[in-house]
Amino acid sequence: MKKLLLIGMVLMLGISSTGFSARHNDRNSNRGYNERYRNEKQKNENEKRYNQIYSRYSGKINSLEASLRNKDNEIKRERVQKRPDRRRMERLNSERNSIRRELDSTYAQLRRELDRNKLTAYGPRR
């Protein structure tokens, strides 16, 4: 029983050390540094392109989000009244929906432009 256990442990040690050495057998020791430098340079370029593209849309997105918050506040004020005006609420809801559609289409345009430049919508692709 002890011999079987010893043989099993030796086999496991041999298999794990072989796998570890194969993974870390690097003939070009300088490769990692060059790759990191290239990746860092690429990341900085992607970040600059992302900021340029996002800056074109940020003003419109911020103004639409502010007007959307204002419409939501108006709707809430109307709801808490004793006798809310249903027609006014319907009008406010339709205005809110149109602002939401415009905001969604702006985000879609931003995502399309980022995709064309091979960037993600959540920041520069790493």
C-alpha atoms as a PDB file:
ATOM      1  CA  MET A   1       0.000   0.000   0.000  1.00  0.00           C
ATOM      2  CA  LYS A   2       2.815   2.402   0.925  1.00  0.00           C
ATOM      3  CA  LYS A   3       4.704   1.511  -2.250  1.00  0.00           C
ATOM      4  CA  LEU A   4       1.597   2.264  -4.344  1.00  0.00           C
ATOM      5  CA  LEU A   5       1.146   5.599  -2.609  1.00  0.00           C
ATOM      6  CA  LEU A   6       4.825   6.461  -3.115  1.00  0.00           C
ATOM      7  CA  ILE A   7       4.673   5.534  -6.808  1.00  0.00           C
ATOM      8  CA  GLY A   8       1.523   7.666  -7.242  1.00  0.00           C
ATOM      9  CA  MET A   9       3.159  10.683  -5.607  1.00  0.00           C
ATOM     10  CA  VAL A  10       6.273  10.319  -7.758  1.00  0.00           C
ATOM     11  CA  LEU A  11       4.140  10.114 -10.913  1.00  0.00           C
ATOM     12  CA  MET A  12       2.126  13.213  -9.917  1.00  0.00           C
ATOM     13  CA  LEU A  13       5.322  15.121  -9.174  1.00  0.00           C
ATOM     14  CA  GLY A  14       6.784  14.113 -12.546  1.00  0.00           C
ATOM     15  CA  ILE A  15       3.672  15.107 -14.483  1.00  0.00           C
ATOM     16  CA  SER A  16       3.303  18.475 -12.758  1.00  0.00           C
ATOM     17  CA  SER A  17       6.981  19.401 -13.132  1.00  0.00           C
ATOM     18  CA  THR A  18       6.938  18.474 -16.819  1.00  0.00           C
ATOM     19  CA  GLY A  19       3.892  20.616 -17.456  1.00  0.00           C
ATOM     20  CA  PHE A  20       5.343  23.528 -15.529  1.00  0.00           C
ATOM     21  CA  SER A  21       8.667  23.428 -17.323  1.00  0.00           C
ATOM     22  CA  ALA A  22       7.043  23.200 -20.752  1.00  0.00           C
ATOM     23  CA  ARG A  23       4.944  26.260 -20.034  1.00  0.00           C
ATOM     24  CA  HIS A  24       7.888  28.362 -18.884  1.00  0.00           C
ATOM     25  CA  ASN A  25      10.449  27.277 -21.445  1.00  0.00           C
ATOM     26  CA  ASP A  26      11.122  30.616 -23.125  1.00  0.00           C
ATOM     27  CA  ARG A  27      13.947  30.784 -25.636  1.00  0.00           C
ATOM     28  CA  ASN A  28      13.764  34.555 -26.085  1.00  0.00           C
ATOM     29  CA  SER A  29      14.101  36.088 -22.632  1.00  0.00           C
ATOM     30  CA  ASN A  30      13.601  39.604 -24.013  1.00  0.00           C
ATOM     31  CA  ARG A  31      10.231  38.801 -25.596  1.00  0.00           C
ATOM     32  CA  GLY A  32       8.162  39.623 -22.514  1.00  0.00           C
ATOM     33  CA  TYR A  33       9.585  43.107 -22.150  1.00  0.00           C
ATOM     34  CA  ASN A  34       9.045  43.958 -25.802  1.00  0.00           C
ATOM     35  CA  GLU A  35       5.497  42.650 -25.684  1.00  0.00           C
ATOM     36  CA  ARG A  36       4.670  44.655 -22.572  1.00  0.00           C
ATOM     37  CA  TYR A  37       6.117  47.806 -24.118  1.00  0.00           C
ATOM     38  CA  ARG A  38       4.137  47.288 -27.324  1.00  0.00           C
ATOM     39  CA  ASN A  39       0.930  46.574 -25.374  1.00  0.00           C
ATOM     40  CA  GLU A  40       1.404  49.682 -23.225  1.00  0.00           C
ATOM     41  CA  LYS A  41       1.956  51.839 -26.305  1.00  0.00           C
ATOM     42  CA  GLN A  42      -1.141  50.336 -27.975  1.00  0.00           C
ATOM     43  CA  LYS A  43      -3.192  50.914 -24.818  1.00  0.00           C
ATOM     44  CA  ASN A  44      -2.199  54.598 -24.710  1.00  0.00           C
ATOM     45  CA  GLU A  45      -3.101  55.075 -28.379  1.00  0.00           C
ATOM     46  CA  ASN A  46      -6.454  53.345 -27.858  1.00  0.00           C
ATOM     47  CA  GLU A  47      -7.156  55.524 -24.841  1.00  0.00           C
ATOM     48  CA  LYS A  48      -6.477  58.684 -26.834  1.00  0.00           C
ATOM     49  CA  ARG A  49      -8.728  57.555 -29.690  1.00  0.00           C
ATOM     50  CA  TYR A  50     -11.493  56.579 -27.234  1.00  0.00           C
ATOM     51  CA  ASN A  51     -11.343  59.981 -25.508  1.00  0.00           C
ATOM     52  CA  GLN A  52     -11.459  61.799 -28.856  1.00  0.00           C
ATOM     53  CA  ILE A  53     -14.508  59.870 -30.014  1.00  0.00           C
ATOM     54  CA  TYR A  54     -16.327  60.060 -26.682  1.00  0.00           C
ATOM     55  CA  SER A  55     -15.728  63.809 -26.396  1.00  0.00           C
ATOM     56  CA  ARG A  56     -17.756  64.319 -29.585  1.00  0.00           C
ATOM     57  CA  TYR A  57     -20.815  62.722 -28.001  1.00  0.00           C
ATOM     58  CA  SER A  58     -20.402  63.593 -24.313  1.00  0.00           C
ATOM     59  CA  GLY A  59     -22.030  67.042 -24.503  1.00  0.00           C
ATOM     60  CA  LYS A  60     -25.155  65.731 -26.200  1.00  0.00           C
ATOM     61  CA  ILE A  61     -25.347  62.718 -23.861  1.00  0.00           C
ATOM     62  CA  ASN A  62     -25.013  64.898 -20.754  1.00  0.00           C
ATOM     63  CA  SER A  63     -27.697  67.341 -21.885  1.00  0.00           C
ATOM     64  CA  LEU A  64     -30.102  64.531 -22.803  1.00  0.00           C
ATOM     65  CA  GLU A  65     -29.558  62.809 -19.459  1.00  0.00           C
ATOM     66  CA  ALA A  66     -30.191  66.093 -17.623  1.00  0.00           C
ATOM     67  CA  SER A  67     -33.430  66.714 -19.521  1.00  0.00           C
ATOM     68  CA  LEU A  68     -34.482  63.112 -18.880  1.00  0.00           C
ATOM     69  CA  ARG A  69     -33.971  63.628 -15.129  1.00  0.00           C
ATOM     70  CA  ASN A  70     -36.005  66.844 -15.303  1.00  0.00           C
ATOM     71  CA  LYS A  71     -38.889  65.052 -17.035  1.00  0.00           C
ATOM     72  CA  ASP A  72     -38.774  62.267 -14.443  1.00  0.00           C
ATOM     73  CA  ASN A  73     -38.973  64.850 -11.659  1.00  0.00           C
ATOM     74  CA  GLU A  74     -41.938  66.561 -13.327  1.00  0.00           C
ATOM     75  CA  ILE A  75     -43.736  63.234 -13.662  1.00  0.00           C
ATOM     76  CA  LYS A  76     -43.085  62.429  -9.982  1.00  0.00           C
ATOM     77  CA  ARG A  77     -44.400  65.842  -8.897  1.00  0.00           C
ATOM     78  CA  GLU A  78     -47.526  65.292 -10.952  1.00  0.00           C
ATOM     79  CA  ARG A  79     -48.098  61.818  -9.467  1.00  0.00           C
ATOM     80  CA  VAL A  80     -47.930  62.941  -5.837  1.00  0.00           C
ATOM     81  CA  GLN A  81     -50.704  65.481  -6.294  1.00  0.00           C
ATOM     82  CA  LYS A  82     -54.144  64.607  -4.966  1.00  0.00           C
ATOM     83  CA  ARG A  83     -55.745  64.835  -8.376  1.00  0.00           C
ATOM     84  CA  PRO A  84     -53.042  64.350 -11.024  1.00  0.00           C
ATOM     85  CA  ASP A  85     -53.784  65.633 -14.508  1.00  0.00           C
ATOM     86  CA  ARG A  86     -53.763  62.509 -16.690  1.00  0.00           C
ATOM     87  CA  ARG A  87     -53.383  64.399 -19.958  1.00  0.00           C
ATOM     88  CA  ARG A  88     -50.364  66.280 -18.664  1.00  0.00           C
ATOM     89  CA  MET A  89     -48.849  63.010 -17.403  1.00  0.00           C
ATOM     90  CA  GLU A  90     -49.369  61.383 -20.808  1.00  0.00           C
ATOM     91  CA  ARG A  91     -47.747  64.359 -22.509  1.00  0.00           C
ATOM     92  CA  LEU A  92     -44.793  64.275 -20.086  1.00  0.00           C
ATOM     93  CA  ASN A  93     -44.414  60.527 -20.602  1.00  0.00           C
ATOM     94  CA  SER A  94     -44.387  60.914 -24.379  1.00  0.00           C
ATOM     95  CA  GLU A  95     -41.778  63.701 -24.105  1.00  0.00           C
ATOM     96  CA  ARG A  96     -39.737  61.517 -21.761  1.00  0.00           C
ATOM     97  CA  ASN A  97     -39.944  58.597 -24.206  1.00  0.00           C
ATOM     98  CA  SER A  98     -38.796  60.760 -27.115  1.00  0.00           C
ATOM     99  CA  ILE A  99     -35.819  61.994 -25.079  1.00  0.00           C
ATOM    100  CA  ARG A 100     -35.022  58.380 -24.133  1.00  0.00           C
ATOM    101  CA  ARG A 101     -35.154  57.306 -27.801  1.00  0.00           C
ATOM    102  CA  GLU A 102     -32.834  60.137 -28.799  1.00  0.00           C
ATOM    103  CA  LEU A 103     -30.436  59.217 -25.980  1.00  0.00           C
ATOM    104  CA  ASP A 104     -30.478  55.556 -27.017  1.00  0.00           C
ATOM    105  CA  SER A 105     -29.788  56.453 -30.650  1.00  0.00           C
ATOM    106  CA  THR A 106     -26.882  58.689 -29.556  1.00  0.00           C
ATOM    107  CA  TYR A 107     -25.417  55.812 -27.553  1.00  0.00           C
ATOM    108  CA  ALA A 108     -25.876  53.530 -30.573  1.00  0.00           C
ATOM    109  CA  GLN A 109     -24.027  55.998 -32.821  1.00  0.00           C
ATOM    110  CA  LEU A 110     -21.223  56.177 -30.264  1.00  0.00           C
ATOM    111  CA  ARG A 111     -20.968  52.372 -30.099  1.00  0.00           C
ATOM    112  CA  ARG A 112     -20.917  52.102 -33.913  1.00  0.00           C
ATOM    113  CA  GLU A 113     -18.114  54.627 -34.190  1.00  0.00           C
ATOM    114  CA  LEU A 114     -16.159  52.877 -31.437  1.00  0.00           C
ATOM    115  CA  ASP A 115     -16.644  49.539 -33.205  1.00  0.00           C
ATOM    116  CA  ARG A 116     -15.335  51.010 -36.450  1.00  0.00           C
ATOM    117  CA  ASN A 117     -12.192  52.057 -34.569  1.00  0.00           C
ATOM    118  CA  LYS A 118     -11.905  48.661 -32.847  1.00  0.00           C
ATOM    119  CA  LEU A 119     -12.628  50.069 -29.379  1.00  0.00           C
ATOM    120  CA  THR A 120     -15.141  48.840 -26.826  1.00  0.00           C
ATOM    121  CA  ALA A 121     -17.995  50.924 -25.483  1.00  0.00           C
ATOM    122  CA  TYR A 122     -16.565  50.549 -21.959  1.00  0.00           C
ATOM    123  CA  GLY A 123     -13.214  52.178 -22.649  1.00  0.00           C
ATOM    124  CA  PRO A 124     -10.170  51.298 -24.676  1.00  0.00           C
ATOM    125  CA  ARG A 125      -9.805  47.641 -25.578  1.00  0.00           C
ATOM    126  CA  ARG A 126      -6.956  46.182 -23.527  1.00  0.00           C
END
